[in-house]
Amino acid sequence: MKLDDFLAAMVMAPTTSQLDLTSAYAPVRRDLDVVVRLFDAEVTADLPFVNELVATVRSYRGKMLRPALLLLAGKATGTITATHHTLGAVVELVHMATLVHDDVLDEATERRRHPTIAALAGNTAAVLLGDFLISHAFHLCSSLNDQYASRRIGATTNTVCEGEMLQDWQQGNFALTEAEYLDIIRRKTAVLTATCCALGARYAGASQAQIDALESFGLAVGVAFQIVDDVLDIAGNEHTIGKTLGLDLDLGKATLPLIHFLREAESSDRAAMLRRLKVRAERTGEYLRGRLEDSGSLLYALQEAERYVRQAQCRLDLLPASDARSSLLALADFVVQRQF
């Protein structure tokens, strides 16, 4: 199967993924509106220039996938409370902070068709604003009646930072294995989606078995999300996606398509690719996409992402049938159907 055939089959597949995000979010739409209001109120500053930077961050607020997962996990296992609203704002603050910091690390100039904070105000302002958002996340979380969520989110942000440091440490290592790559993306991306689902269930009064199932669901969805993100960085359309692409290989980050290519290619093809990768100026996107697509490596990565989605969906068998459960299934499918 070719890459284009796989993508076409995924889009046409008659699954719950045919729900658009508006429909998928319907069971928690009013709750998401509350989350947005809490987020905006929390980050309002008394310094006009800070508010201008925060307004740019608000423009990055697109899918709100993480608070939606938290709320849907709660709705699928019990009742949504004010605690869920607070935690939804907290995880979105954490996520936004990581985006602001990631754009510094990746030297990105555009996100959601808007200039990045680093492009607008410089790296120093971007780092400080990311810190500002993280600080507000924990300030808001401290308003809850118990410390479990604060400790869990603190542990999660520690793991996210470890994942980013691990990826930075491995930069330029084109001998990175698939297992090492998966360890990085579980830490830097998937752990936060896992925490969102687990917290949503816990604060809805779910059983421990349901909490564990939803945490596993979130981890698998997060892995799939990052694999697809890494494929999009190579094969995506910048205009469609609305952010700077082609940065991973340019910065020496070995992601799953390249790892698969270097593992499976003939020695001469492997050597030619490595020669190209060692010279940053020669890492042209068209050449790399062509080689990774022709070899089947992009397709392999997308098929692995789909496999993680199916694993995630199986974990929801423990939950009773409901609109919220259907939406969780749809959001898992959405991960591998984002536009290229």
C-alpha atoms as a PDB file:
ATOM      1  CA  MET A   1       0.000   0.000   0.000  1.00  0.00           C
ATOM      2  CA  LYS A   2       1.252   3.494  -0.874  1.00  0.00           C
ATOM      3  CA  LEU A   3       1.133   6.428   1.516  1.00  0.00           C
ATOM      4  CA  ASP A   4      -1.589   8.272  -0.429  1.00  0.00           C
ATOM      5  CA  ASP A   5      -3.736   5.120  -0.559  1.00  0.00           C
ATOM      6  CA  PHE A   6      -3.368   4.651   3.207  1.00  0.00           C
ATOM      7  CA  LEU A   7      -4.375   8.246   3.914  1.00  0.00           C
ATOM      8  CA  ALA A   8      -7.350   8.008   1.572  1.00  0.00           C
ATOM      9  CA  ALA A   9      -8.484   4.768   3.204  1.00  0.00           C
ATOM     10  CA  MET A  10      -8.232   6.310   6.664  1.00  0.00           C
ATOM     11  CA  VAL A  11     -10.306   9.338   5.685  1.00  0.00           C
ATOM     12  CA  MET A  12     -12.994   7.196   4.022  1.00  0.00           C
ATOM     13  CA  ALA A  13     -13.154   4.518   6.724  1.00  0.00           C
ATOM     14  CA  PRO A  14     -16.720   4.336   8.133  1.00  0.00           C
ATOM     15  CA  THR A  15     -15.750   4.708  11.778  1.00  0.00           C
ATOM     16  CA  THR A  16     -16.664   7.004  14.624  1.00  0.00           C
ATOM     17  CA  SER A  17     -13.894   9.269  13.347  1.00  0.00           C
ATOM     18  CA  GLN A  18     -16.356  10.712  10.845  1.00  0.00           C
ATOM     19  CA  LEU A  19     -17.484  12.903  13.726  1.00  0.00           C
ATOM     20  CA  ASP A  20     -15.757  16.263  13.406  1.00  0.00           C
ATOM     21  CA  LEU A  21     -14.249  17.791  16.515  1.00  0.00           C
ATOM     22  CA  THR A  22     -17.327  19.931  17.106  1.00  0.00           C
ATOM     23  CA  SER A  23     -19.469  16.795  17.290  1.00  0.00           C
ATOM     24  CA  ALA A  24     -16.889  14.883  19.303  1.00  0.00           C
ATOM     25  CA  TYR A  25     -16.742  17.677  21.868  1.00  0.00           C
ATOM     26  CA  ALA A  26     -20.521  18.021  22.068  1.00  0.00           C
ATOM     27  CA  PRO A  27     -20.915  16.083  25.350  1.00  0.00           C
ATOM     28  CA  VAL A  28     -18.579  18.537  27.106  1.00  0.00           C
ATOM     29  CA  ARG A  29     -18.941  21.706  25.011  1.00  0.00           C
ATOM     30  CA  ARG A  30     -20.329  23.836  27.847  1.00  0.00           C
ATOM     31  CA  ASP A  31     -17.657  22.511  30.177  1.00  0.00           C
ATOM     32  CA  LEU A  32     -14.940  23.455  27.662  1.00  0.00           C
ATOM     33  CA  ASP A  33     -16.366  26.975  27.571  1.00  0.00           C
ATOM     34  CA  VAL A  34     -15.919  27.139  31.345  1.00  0.00           C
ATOM     35  CA  VAL A  35     -12.340  25.914  30.974  1.00  0.00           C
ATOM     36  CA  VAL A  36     -11.608  28.700  28.471  1.00  0.00           C
ATOM     37  CA  ARG A  37     -12.981  31.334  30.853  1.00  0.00           C
ATOM     38  CA  LEU A  38     -10.880  29.992  33.730  1.00  0.00           C
ATOM     39  CA  PHE A  39      -7.769  29.920  31.544  1.00  0.00           C
ATOM     40  CA  ASP A  40      -8.277  33.520  30.403  1.00  0.00           C
ATOM     41  CA  ALA A  41      -8.992  34.804  33.900  1.00  0.00           C
ATOM     42  CA  GLU A  42      -5.942  33.061  35.331  1.00  0.00           C
ATOM     43  CA  VAL A  43      -3.410  34.558  32.912  1.00  0.00           C
ATOM     44  CA  THR A  44      -4.710  38.135  32.878  1.00  0.00           C
ATOM     45  CA  ALA A  45      -1.837  40.346  34.045  1.00  0.00           C
ATOM     46  CA  ASP A  46      -1.589  43.971  35.170  1.00  0.00           C
ATOM     47  CA  LEU A  47       1.169  44.634  32.613  1.00  0.00           C
ATOM     48  CA  PRO A  48      -0.178  45.476  29.135  1.00  0.00           C
ATOM     49  CA  PHE A  49       2.780  43.995  27.248  1.00  0.00           C
ATOM     50  CA  VAL A  50       2.358  40.678  29.099  1.00  0.00           C
ATOM     51  CA  ASN A  51      -1.308  40.626  28.133  1.00  0.00           C
ATOM     52  CA  GLU A  52      -0.295  41.211  24.505  1.00  0.00           C
ATOM     53  CA  LEU A  53       1.976  38.164  24.623  1.00  0.00           C
ATOM     54  CA  VAL A  54      -0.741  36.116  26.318  1.00  0.00           C
ATOM     55  CA  ALA A  55      -3.165  37.161  23.576  1.00  0.00           C
ATOM     56  CA  THR A  56      -0.789  35.571  21.062  1.00  0.00           C
ATOM     57  CA  VAL A  57      -0.746  32.394  23.119  1.00  0.00           C
ATOM     58  CA  ARG A  58      -4.555  32.386  23.077  1.00  0.00           C
ATOM     59  CA  SER A  59      -4.367  32.335  19.290  1.00  0.00           C
ATOM     60  CA  TYR A  60      -2.571  28.978  19.545  1.00  0.00           C
ATOM     61  CA  ARG A  61      -5.604  27.523  21.319  1.00  0.00           C
ATOM     62  CA  GLY A  62      -6.999  25.231  18.677  1.00  0.00           C
ATOM     63  CA  LYS A  63      -8.215  21.709  19.349  1.00  0.00           C
ATOM     64  CA  MET A  64      -7.979  21.893  23.159  1.00  0.00           C
ATOM     65  CA  LEU A  65      -7.488  18.137  22.972  1.00  0.00           C
ATOM     66  CA  ARG A  66      -6.072  17.690  26.463  1.00  0.00           C
ATOM     67  CA  PRO A  67      -8.852  19.402  28.430  1.00  0.00           C
ATOM     68  CA  ALA A  68     -11.376  17.673  26.171  1.00  0.00           C
ATOM     69  CA  LEU A  69      -9.867  14.279  27.014  1.00  0.00           C
ATOM     70  CA  LEU A  70      -9.949  15.122  30.723  1.00  0.00           C
ATOM     71  CA  LEU A  71     -13.590  16.187  30.595  1.00  0.00           C
ATOM     72  CA  LEU A  72     -14.710  13.284  28.409  1.00  0.00           C
ATOM     73  CA  ALA A  73     -12.931  10.801  30.683  1.00  0.00           C
ATOM     74  CA  GLY A  74     -14.859  12.303  33.583  1.00  0.00           C
ATOM     75  CA  LYS A  75     -18.175  12.254  31.749  1.00  0.00           C
ATOM     76  CA  ALA A  76     -17.634   8.663  30.567  1.00  0.00           C
ATOM     77  CA  THR A  77     -17.083   7.406  34.119  1.00  0.00           C
ATOM     78  CA  GLY A  78     -19.187   9.678  36.317  1.00  0.00           C
ATOM     79  CA  THR A  79     -20.077  13.320  36.804  1.00  0.00           C
ATOM     80  CA  ILE A  80     -18.132  16.418  35.791  1.00  0.00           C
ATOM     81  CA  THR A  81     -17.527  18.861  38.654  1.00  0.00           C
ATOM     82  CA  ALA A  82     -15.891  22.254  39.136  1.00  0.00           C
ATOM     83  CA  THR A  83     -12.653  20.372  39.835  1.00  0.00           C
ATOM     84  CA  HIS A  84     -12.691  19.076  36.267  1.00  0.00           C
ATOM     85  CA  HIS A  85     -13.053  22.631  34.955  1.00  0.00           C
ATOM     86  CA  THR A  86     -10.076  23.784  37.009  1.00  0.00           C
ATOM     87  CA  LEU A  87      -7.962  20.835  35.925  1.00  0.00           C
ATOM     88  CA  GLY A  88      -8.928  21.391  32.296  1.00  0.00           C
ATOM     89  CA  ALA A  89      -7.539  24.916  32.497  1.00  0.00           C
ATOM     90  CA  VAL A  90      -4.444  23.657  34.320  1.00  0.00           C
ATOM     91  CA  VAL A  91      -3.521  21.056  31.689  1.00  0.00           C
ATOM     92  CA  GLU A  92      -4.124  23.564  28.878  1.00  0.00           C
ATOM     93  CA  LEU A  93      -1.803  26.036  30.629  1.00  0.00           C
ATOM     94  CA  VAL A  94       0.858  23.333  30.894  1.00  0.00           C
ATOM     95  CA  HIS A  95       0.390  22.391  27.246  1.00  0.00           C
ATOM     96  CA  MET A  96       0.608  26.012  26.078  1.00  0.00           C
ATOM     97  CA  ALA A  97       3.788  26.495  28.097  1.00  0.00           C
ATOM     98  CA  THR A  98       5.362  23.509  26.348  1.00  0.00           C
ATOM     99  CA  LEU A  99       4.395  24.930  22.941  1.00  0.00           C
ATOM    100  CA  VAL A 100       6.012  28.278  23.727  1.00  0.00           C
ATOM    101  CA  HIS A 101       9.182  26.577  24.932  1.00  0.00           C
ATOM    102  CA  ASP A 102       9.189  24.066  22.038  1.00  0.00           C
ATOM    103  CA  ASP A 103       9.164  26.907  19.522  1.00  0.00           C
ATOM    104  CA  VAL A 104      12.370  28.204  21.089  1.00  0.00           C
ATOM    105  CA  LEU A 105      13.993  24.770  20.996  1.00  0.00           C
ATOM    106  CA  ASP A 106      12.880  24.145  17.408  1.00  0.00           C
ATOM    107  CA  GLU A 107      13.636  27.653  16.133  1.00  0.00           C
ATOM    108  CA  ALA A 108      10.066  27.801  14.798  1.00  0.00           C
ATOM    109  CA  THR A 109       8.632  31.058  13.458  1.00  0.00           C
ATOM    110  CA  GLU A 110       4.958  30.160  12.987  1.00  0.00           C
ATOM    111  CA  ARG A 111       2.273  28.318  14.942  1.00  0.00           C
ATOM    112  CA  ARG A 112      -1.417  28.118  14.004  1.00  0.00           C
ATOM    113  CA  ARG A 113      -0.736  30.667  11.279  1.00  0.00           C
ATOM    114  CA  HIS A 114       0.498  33.212  13.829  1.00  0.00           C
ATOM    115  CA  PRO A 115       4.079  34.223  14.644  1.00  0.00           C
ATOM    116  CA  THR A 116       5.574  32.351  17.581  1.00  0.00           C
ATOM    117  CA  ILE A 117       6.369  34.239  20.760  1.00  0.00           C
ATOM    118  CA  ALA A 118      10.071  33.755  20.026  1.00  0.00           C
ATOM    119  CA  ALA A 119       9.632  35.266  16.550  1.00  0.00           C
ATOM    120  CA  LEU A 120       7.653  38.206  17.957  1.00  0.00           C
ATOM    121  CA  ALA A 121       9.592  39.029  21.103  1.00  0.00           C
ATOM    122  CA  GLY A 122      12.737  36.900  21.151  1.00  0.00           C
ATOM    123  CA  ASN A 123      13.813  33.739  22.926  1.00  0.00           C
ATOM    124  CA  THR A 124      14.199  35.358  26.340  1.00  0.00           C
ATOM    125  CA  ALA A 125      10.609  36.599  26.340  1.00  0.00           C
ATOM    126  CA  ALA A 126       9.387  33.203  25.102  1.00  0.00           C
ATOM    127  CA  VAL A 127      11.195  31.283  27.848  1.00  0.00           C
ATOM    128  CA  LEU A 128       9.914  33.669  30.511  1.00  0.00           C
ATOM    129  CA  LEU A 129       6.350  33.542  29.173  1.00  0.00           C
ATOM    130  CA  GLY A 130       6.444  29.741  29.189  1.00  0.00           C
ATOM    131  CA  ASP A 131       7.557  29.910  32.813  1.00  0.00           C
ATOM    132  CA  PHE A 132       4.741  32.386  33.507  1.00  0.00           C
ATOM    133  CA  LEU A 133       2.170  29.912  32.125  1.00  0.00           C
ATOM    134  CA  ILE A 134       3.583  26.989  34.124  1.00  0.00           C
ATOM    135  CA  SER A 135       3.563  29.119  37.282  1.00  0.00           C
ATOM    136  CA  HIS A 136      -0.082  30.006  36.715  1.00  0.00           C
ATOM    137  CA  ALA A 137      -0.934  26.356  36.117  1.00  0.00           C
ATOM    138  CA  PHE A 138       0.277  25.441  39.588  1.00  0.00           C
ATOM    139  CA  HIS A 139      -1.238  28.560  41.138  1.00  0.00           C
ATOM    140  CA  LEU A 140      -4.625  27.523  39.776  1.00  0.00           C
ATOM    141  CA  CYS A 141      -4.144  23.889  40.727  1.00  0.00           C
ATOM    142  CA  SER A 142      -3.386  24.905  44.314  1.00  0.00           C
ATOM    143  CA  SER A 143      -6.985  26.129  44.634  1.00  0.00           C
ATOM    144  CA  LEU A 144      -8.226  22.511  44.763  1.00  0.00           C
ATOM    145  CA  ASN A 145      -9.132  20.909  48.075  1.00  0.00           C
ATOM    146  CA  ASP A 146      -6.506  18.160  47.922  1.00  0.00           C
ATOM    147  CA  GLN A 147      -2.922  17.904  46.728  1.00  0.00           C
ATOM    148  CA  TYR A 148      -3.231  14.774  44.587  1.00  0.00           C
ATOM    149  CA  ALA A 149      -3.738  16.644  41.299  1.00  0.00           C
ATOM    150  CA  SER A 150      -0.887  19.089  42.003  1.00  0.00           C
ATOM    151  CA  ARG A 151       1.497  16.263  42.772  1.00  0.00           C
ATOM    152  CA  ARG A 152       0.372  14.267  39.738  1.00  0.00           C
ATOM    153  CA  ILE A 153       0.694  17.221  37.377  1.00  0.00           C
ATOM    154  CA  GLY A 154       4.030  18.144  38.936  1.00  0.00           C
ATOM    155  CA  ALA A 155       5.335  14.640  38.336  1.00  0.00           C
ATOM    156  CA  THR A 156       3.995  14.788  34.791  1.00  0.00           C
ATOM    157  CA  THR A 157       5.698  18.090  33.970  1.00  0.00           C
ATOM    158  CA  ASN A 158       8.938  16.662  35.389  1.00  0.00           C
ATOM    159  CA  THR A 159       8.631  13.733  32.989  1.00  0.00           C
ATOM    160  CA  VAL A 160       7.841  16.053  30.062  1.00  0.00           C
ATOM    161  CA  CYS A 161      11.011  18.032  30.814  1.00  0.00           C
ATOM    162  CA  GLU A 162      13.016  14.806  31.037  1.00  0.00           C
ATOM    163  CA  GLY A 163      11.681  13.786  27.630  1.00  0.00           C
ATOM    164  CA  GLU A 164      12.676  17.099  26.089  1.00  0.00           C
ATOM    165  CA  MET A 165      16.142  16.904  27.664  1.00  0.00           C
ATOM    166  CA  LEU A 166      16.515  13.326  26.437  1.00  0.00           C
ATOM    167  CA  GLN A 167      15.567  14.364  22.910  1.00  0.00           C
ATOM    168  CA  ASP A 168      18.035  17.247  23.041  1.00  0.00           C
ATOM    169  CA  TRP A 169      20.760  14.907  24.315  1.00  0.00           C
ATOM    170  CA  GLN A 170      20.080  12.531  21.428  1.00  0.00           C
ATOM    171  CA  GLN A 171      20.090  15.298  18.830  1.00  0.00           C
ATOM    172  CA  GLY A 172      22.298  14.288  15.923  1.00  0.00           C
ATOM    173  CA  ASN A 173      22.248  10.621  16.933  1.00  0.00           C
ATOM    174  CA  PHE A 174      21.031   8.924  13.765  1.00  0.00           C
ATOM    175  CA  ALA A 175      21.684   5.513  15.340  1.00  0.00           C
ATOM    176  CA  LEU A 176      18.684   6.103  17.639  1.00  0.00           C
ATOM    177  CA  THR A 177      16.575   2.951  17.936  1.00  0.00           C
ATOM    178  CA  GLU A 178      12.801   2.749  17.684  1.00  0.00           C
ATOM    179  CA  ALA A 179      12.596   1.783  21.356  1.00  0.00           C
ATOM    180  CA  GLU A 180      14.637   4.848  22.340  1.00  0.00           C
ATOM    181  CA  TYR A 181      12.463   7.070  20.171  1.00  0.00           C
ATOM    182  CA  LEU A 182       9.296   5.689  21.773  1.00  0.00           C
ATOM    183  CA  ASP A 183      10.745   6.328  25.227  1.00  0.00           C
ATOM    184  CA  ILE A 184      11.310   9.973  24.283  1.00  0.00           C
ATOM    185  CA  ILE A 185       7.812  10.582  22.941  1.00  0.00           C
ATOM    186  CA  ARG A 186       6.118   8.767  25.828  1.00  0.00           C
ATOM    187  CA  ARG A 187       7.885  11.142  28.177  1.00  0.00           C
ATOM    188  CA  LYS A 188       7.604  14.424  26.270  1.00  0.00           C
ATOM    189  CA  THR A 189       4.081  14.023  24.858  1.00  0.00           C
ATOM    190  CA  ALA A 190       2.116  10.938  25.863  1.00  0.00           C
ATOM    191  CA  VAL A 191       2.481  11.247  29.629  1.00  0.00           C
ATOM    192  CA  LEU A 192       0.423  14.455  29.645  1.00  0.00           C
ATOM    193  CA  THR A 193      -2.496  12.934  27.710  1.00  0.00           C
ATOM    194  CA  ALA A 194      -2.340   9.911  30.021  1.00  0.00           C
ATOM    195  CA  THR A 195      -2.515  12.177  33.073  1.00  0.00           C
ATOM    196  CA  CYS A 196      -5.463  14.112  31.616  1.00  0.00           C
ATOM    197  CA  CYS A 197      -7.490  10.939  31.175  1.00  0.00           C
ATOM    198  CA  ALA A 198      -6.544   9.523  34.573  1.00  0.00           C
ATOM    199  CA  LEU A 199      -7.396  12.749  36.430  1.00  0.00           C
ATOM    200  CA  GLY A 200     -10.691  13.099  34.582  1.00  0.00           C
ATOM    201  CA  ALA A 201     -11.722   9.620  35.666  1.00  0.00           C
ATOM    202  CA  ARG A 202     -10.418   9.884  39.235  1.00  0.00           C
ATOM    203  CA  TYR A 203     -12.278  13.090  40.015  1.00  0.00           C
ATOM    204  CA  ALA A 204     -15.479  11.647  38.542  1.00  0.00           C
ATOM    205  CA  GLY A 205     -15.419   8.818  41.077  1.00  0.00           C
ATOM    206  CA  ALA A 206     -14.346   6.084  38.639  1.00  0.00           C
ATOM    207  CA  SER A 207     -13.132   2.697  39.810  1.00  0.00           C
ATOM    208  CA  GLN A 208      -9.398   2.061  39.863  1.00  0.00           C
ATOM    209  CA  ALA A 209      -9.779  -0.318  36.921  1.00  0.00           C
ATOM    210  CA  GLN A 210     -11.456   2.442  34.895  1.00  0.00           C
ATOM    211  CA  ILE A 211      -8.795   4.968  35.898  1.00  0.00           C
ATOM    212  CA  ASP A 212      -6.056   2.565  34.816  1.00  0.00           C
ATOM    213  CA  ALA A 213      -7.829   1.833  31.527  1.00  0.00           C
ATOM    214  CA  LEU A 214      -8.224   5.515  30.717  1.00  0.00           C
ATOM    215  CA  GLU A 215      -4.623   6.260  31.652  1.00  0.00           C
ATOM    216  CA  SER A 216      -3.490   3.525  29.239  1.00  0.00           C
ATOM    217  CA  PHE A 217      -5.860   4.938  26.621  1.00  0.00           C
ATOM    218  CA  GLY A 218      -4.343   8.409  27.006  1.00  0.00           C
ATOM    219  CA  LEU A 219      -0.777   7.106  26.848  1.00  0.00           C
ATOM    220  CA  ALA A 220      -1.413   5.202  23.606  1.00  0.00           C
ATOM    221  CA  VAL A 221      -3.266   8.151  22.056  1.00  0.00           C
ATOM    222  CA  GLY A 222      -0.382  10.427  23.015  1.00  0.00           C
ATOM    223  CA  VAL A 223       2.186   8.135  21.384  1.00  0.00           C
ATOM    224  CA  ALA A 224       0.093   7.981  18.207  1.00  0.00           C
ATOM    225  CA  PHE A 225      -0.361  11.764  18.230  1.00  0.00           C
ATOM    226  CA  GLN A 226       3.388  12.394  18.390  1.00  0.00           C
ATOM    227  CA  ILE A 227       4.207   9.823  15.704  1.00  0.00           C
ATOM    228  CA  VAL A 228       1.730  11.535  13.368  1.00  0.00           C
ATOM    229  CA  ASP A 229       3.124  14.942  14.330  1.00  0.00           C
ATOM    230  CA  ASP A 230       6.590  13.725  13.359  1.00  0.00           C
ATOM    231  CA  VAL A 231       5.292  12.432  10.018  1.00  0.00           C
ATOM    232  CA  LEU A 232       3.569  15.759   9.418  1.00  0.00           C
ATOM    233  CA  ASP A 233       6.861  17.551  10.041  1.00  0.00           C
ATOM    234  CA  ILE A 234       8.256  15.675   7.034  1.00  0.00           C
ATOM    235  CA  ALA A 235       5.244  15.226   4.759  1.00  0.00           C
ATOM    236  CA  GLY A 236       2.733  17.848   5.869  1.00  0.00           C
ATOM    237  CA  ASN A 237       1.612  21.012   4.137  1.00  0.00           C
ATOM    238  CA  GLU A 238       2.680  24.124   6.045  1.00  0.00           C
ATOM    239  CA  HIS A 239      -0.267  26.160   4.769  1.00  0.00           C
ATOM    240  CA  THR A 240      -2.764  23.487   5.823  1.00  0.00           C
ATOM    241  CA  ILE A 241      -1.219  22.810   9.209  1.00  0.00           C
ATOM    242  CA  GLY A 242      -0.350  26.406  10.008  1.00  0.00           C
ATOM    243  CA  LYS A 243       3.029  25.982  11.663  1.00  0.00           C
ATOM    244  CA  THR A 244       6.698  25.759  10.690  1.00  0.00           C
ATOM    245  CA  LEU A 245       7.523  22.288   9.362  1.00  0.00           C
ATOM    246  CA  GLY A 246      10.676  20.456   8.341  1.00  0.00           C
ATOM    247  CA  LEU A 247      12.470  21.234  11.590  1.00  0.00           C
ATOM    248  CA  ASP A 248      13.054  17.793  13.115  1.00  0.00           C
ATOM    249  CA  LEU A 249      15.565  16.480  10.612  1.00  0.00           C
ATOM    250  CA  ASP A 250      16.994  19.954  10.106  1.00  0.00           C
ATOM    251  CA  LEU A 251      17.808  20.004  13.831  1.00  0.00           C
ATOM    252  CA  GLY A 252      19.149  16.460  13.809  1.00  0.00           C
ATOM    253  CA  LYS A 253      16.161  14.783  15.482  1.00  0.00           C
ATOM    254  CA  ALA A 254      15.717  11.182  14.403  1.00  0.00           C
ATOM    255  CA  THR A 255      11.992  10.427  14.268  1.00  0.00           C
ATOM    256  CA  LEU A 256      10.249   7.170  13.407  1.00  0.00           C
ATOM    257  CA  PRO A 257      10.226   7.454   9.574  1.00  0.00           C
ATOM    258  CA  LEU A 258      13.983   8.061   9.477  1.00  0.00           C
ATOM    259  CA  ILE A 259      14.690   5.387  12.083  1.00  0.00           C
ATOM    260  CA  HIS A 260      12.741   2.870   9.972  1.00  0.00           C
ATOM    261  CA  PHE A 261      14.518   3.938   6.773  1.00  0.00           C
ATOM    262  CA  LEU A 262      18.001   3.613   8.274  1.00  0.00           C
ATOM    263  CA  ARG A 263      17.103   0.235   9.766  1.00  0.00           C
ATOM    264  CA  GLU A 264      15.631  -1.254   6.602  1.00  0.00           C
ATOM    265  CA  ALA A 265      17.579   0.390   3.763  1.00  0.00           C
ATOM    266  CA  GLU A 266      20.324  -1.193   1.748  1.00  0.00           C
ATOM    267  CA  SER A 267      23.785  -0.200   2.964  1.00  0.00           C
ATOM    268  CA  SER A 268      24.383   2.136   0.003  1.00  0.00           C
ATOM    269  CA  ASP A 269      21.048   3.927   0.536  1.00  0.00           C
ATOM    270  CA  ARG A 270      21.719   4.160   4.261  1.00  0.00           C
ATOM    271  CA  ALA A 271      25.168   5.641   3.654  1.00  0.00           C
ATOM    272  CA  ALA A 272      23.783   8.179   1.168  1.00  0.00           C
ATOM    273  CA  MET A 273      21.105   9.280   3.631  1.00  0.00           C
ATOM    274  CA  LEU A 274      23.608   9.632   6.466  1.00  0.00           C
ATOM    275  CA  ARG A 275      25.904  11.735   4.289  1.00  0.00           C
ATOM    276  CA  ARG A 276      22.979  14.019   3.520  1.00  0.00           C
ATOM    277  CA  LEU A 277      21.956  14.253   7.177  1.00  0.00           C
ATOM    278  CA  LYS A 278      25.425  15.207   8.359  1.00  0.00           C
ATOM    279  CA  VAL A 279      25.319  18.450   6.377  1.00  0.00           C
ATOM    280  CA  ARG A 280      22.455  20.590   7.643  1.00  0.00           C
ATOM    281  CA  ALA A 281      22.325  22.693   4.479  1.00  0.00           C
ATOM    282  CA  GLU A 282      21.671  19.564   2.422  1.00  0.00           C
ATOM    283  CA  ARG A 283      18.695  18.305   4.456  1.00  0.00           C
ATOM    284  CA  THR A 284      16.235  19.450   1.822  1.00  0.00           C
ATOM    285  CA  GLY A 285      12.625  18.601   2.610  1.00  0.00           C
ATOM    286  CA  GLU A 286      11.737  17.463  -0.911  1.00  0.00           C
ATOM    287  CA  TYR A 287      14.624  14.980  -1.050  1.00  0.00           C
ATOM    288  CA  LEU A 288      13.939  13.582   2.407  1.00  0.00           C
ATOM    289  CA  ARG A 289      10.209  13.230   1.883  1.00  0.00           C
ATOM    290  CA  GLY A 290      10.809  11.488  -1.433  1.00  0.00           C
ATOM    291  CA  ARG A 291      13.245   8.967   0.003  1.00  0.00           C
ATOM    292  CA  LEU A 292      11.153   8.274   3.108  1.00  0.00           C
ATOM    293  CA  GLU A 293       7.943   7.953   1.118  1.00  0.00           C
ATOM    294  CA  ASP A 294       9.390   5.754  -1.626  1.00  0.00           C
ATOM    295  CA  SER A 295      10.944   3.439   0.936  1.00  0.00           C
ATOM    296  CA  GLY A 296       7.639   2.960   2.772  1.00  0.00           C
ATOM    297  CA  SER A 297       9.016   4.552   5.940  1.00  0.00           C
ATOM    298  CA  LEU A 298       6.345   7.258   6.179  1.00  0.00           C
ATOM    299  CA  LEU A 299       3.679   4.609   5.680  1.00  0.00           C
ATOM    300  CA  TYR A 300       5.281   2.412   8.358  1.00  0.00           C
ATOM    301  CA  ALA A 301       5.161   5.268  10.864  1.00  0.00           C
ATOM    302  CA  LEU A 302       1.494   6.004  10.144  1.00  0.00           C
ATOM    303  CA  GLN A 303       0.607   2.331  10.441  1.00  0.00           C
ATOM    304  CA  GLU A 304       2.341   2.234  13.822  1.00  0.00           C
ATOM    305  CA  ALA A 305       0.337   5.282  14.898  1.00  0.00           C
ATOM    306  CA  GLU A 306      -2.851   3.545  13.803  1.00  0.00           C
ATOM    307  CA  ARG A 307      -1.841   0.450  15.773  1.00  0.00           C
ATOM    308  CA  TYR A 308      -1.475   2.555  18.932  1.00  0.00           C
ATOM    309  CA  VAL A 309      -4.902   4.086  18.291  1.00  0.00           C
ATOM    310  CA  ARG A 310      -6.485   0.640  18.072  1.00  0.00           C
ATOM    311  CA  GLN A 311      -4.741  -0.344  21.313  1.00  0.00           C
ATOM    312  CA  ALA A 312      -6.129   2.783  22.941  1.00  0.00           C
ATOM    313  CA  GLN A 313      -9.650   2.127  21.776  1.00  0.00           C
ATOM    314  CA  CYS A 314      -9.586  -1.416  23.128  1.00  0.00           C
ATOM    315  CA  ARG A 315      -8.917   0.010  26.585  1.00  0.00           C
ATOM    316  CA  LEU A 316     -12.337   1.697  26.490  1.00  0.00           C
ATOM    317  CA  ASP A 317     -14.155  -1.650  26.421  1.00  0.00           C
ATOM    318  CA  LEU A 318     -14.294  -1.390  30.214  1.00  0.00           C
ATOM    319  CA  LEU A 319     -16.471   1.728  30.062  1.00  0.00           C
ATOM    320  CA  PRO A 320     -20.261   1.751  29.704  1.00  0.00           C
ATOM    321  CA  ALA A 321     -21.714   2.906  26.393  1.00  0.00           C
ATOM    322  CA  SER A 322     -22.279   6.677  26.322  1.00  0.00           C
ATOM    323  CA  ASP A 323     -21.853   9.731  24.127  1.00  0.00           C
ATOM    324  CA  ALA A 324     -18.656  10.561  26.001  1.00  0.00           C
ATOM    325  CA  ARG A 325     -17.195   7.107  25.325  1.00  0.00           C
ATOM    326  CA  SER A 326     -18.091   7.451  21.633  1.00  0.00           C
ATOM    327  CA  SER A 327     -16.338  10.824  21.578  1.00  0.00           C
ATOM    328  CA  LEU A 328     -13.188   9.320  23.110  1.00  0.00           C
ATOM    329  CA  LEU A 329     -13.196   6.671  20.374  1.00  0.00           C
ATOM    330  CA  ALA A 330     -13.630   9.393  17.749  1.00  0.00           C
ATOM    331  CA  LEU A 331     -10.808  11.525  19.154  1.00  0.00           C
ATOM    332  CA  ALA A 332      -8.465   8.532  19.006  1.00  0.00           C
ATOM    333  CA  ASP A 333      -9.301   8.090  15.322  1.00  0.00           C
ATOM    334  CA  PHE A 334      -8.846  11.822  14.722  1.00  0.00           C
ATOM    335  CA  VAL A 335      -5.199  11.515  15.764  1.00  0.00           C
ATOM    336  CA  VAL A 336      -4.277   9.584  12.589  1.00  0.00           C
ATOM    337  CA  GLN A 337      -6.610  11.479  10.276  1.00  0.00           C
ATOM    338  CA  ARG A 338      -5.233  14.980  10.635  1.00  0.00           C
ATOM    339  CA  GLN A 339      -4.779  16.740   7.298  1.00  0.00           C
ATOM    340  CA  PHE A 340      -1.544  16.447   5.408  1.00  0.00           C
END
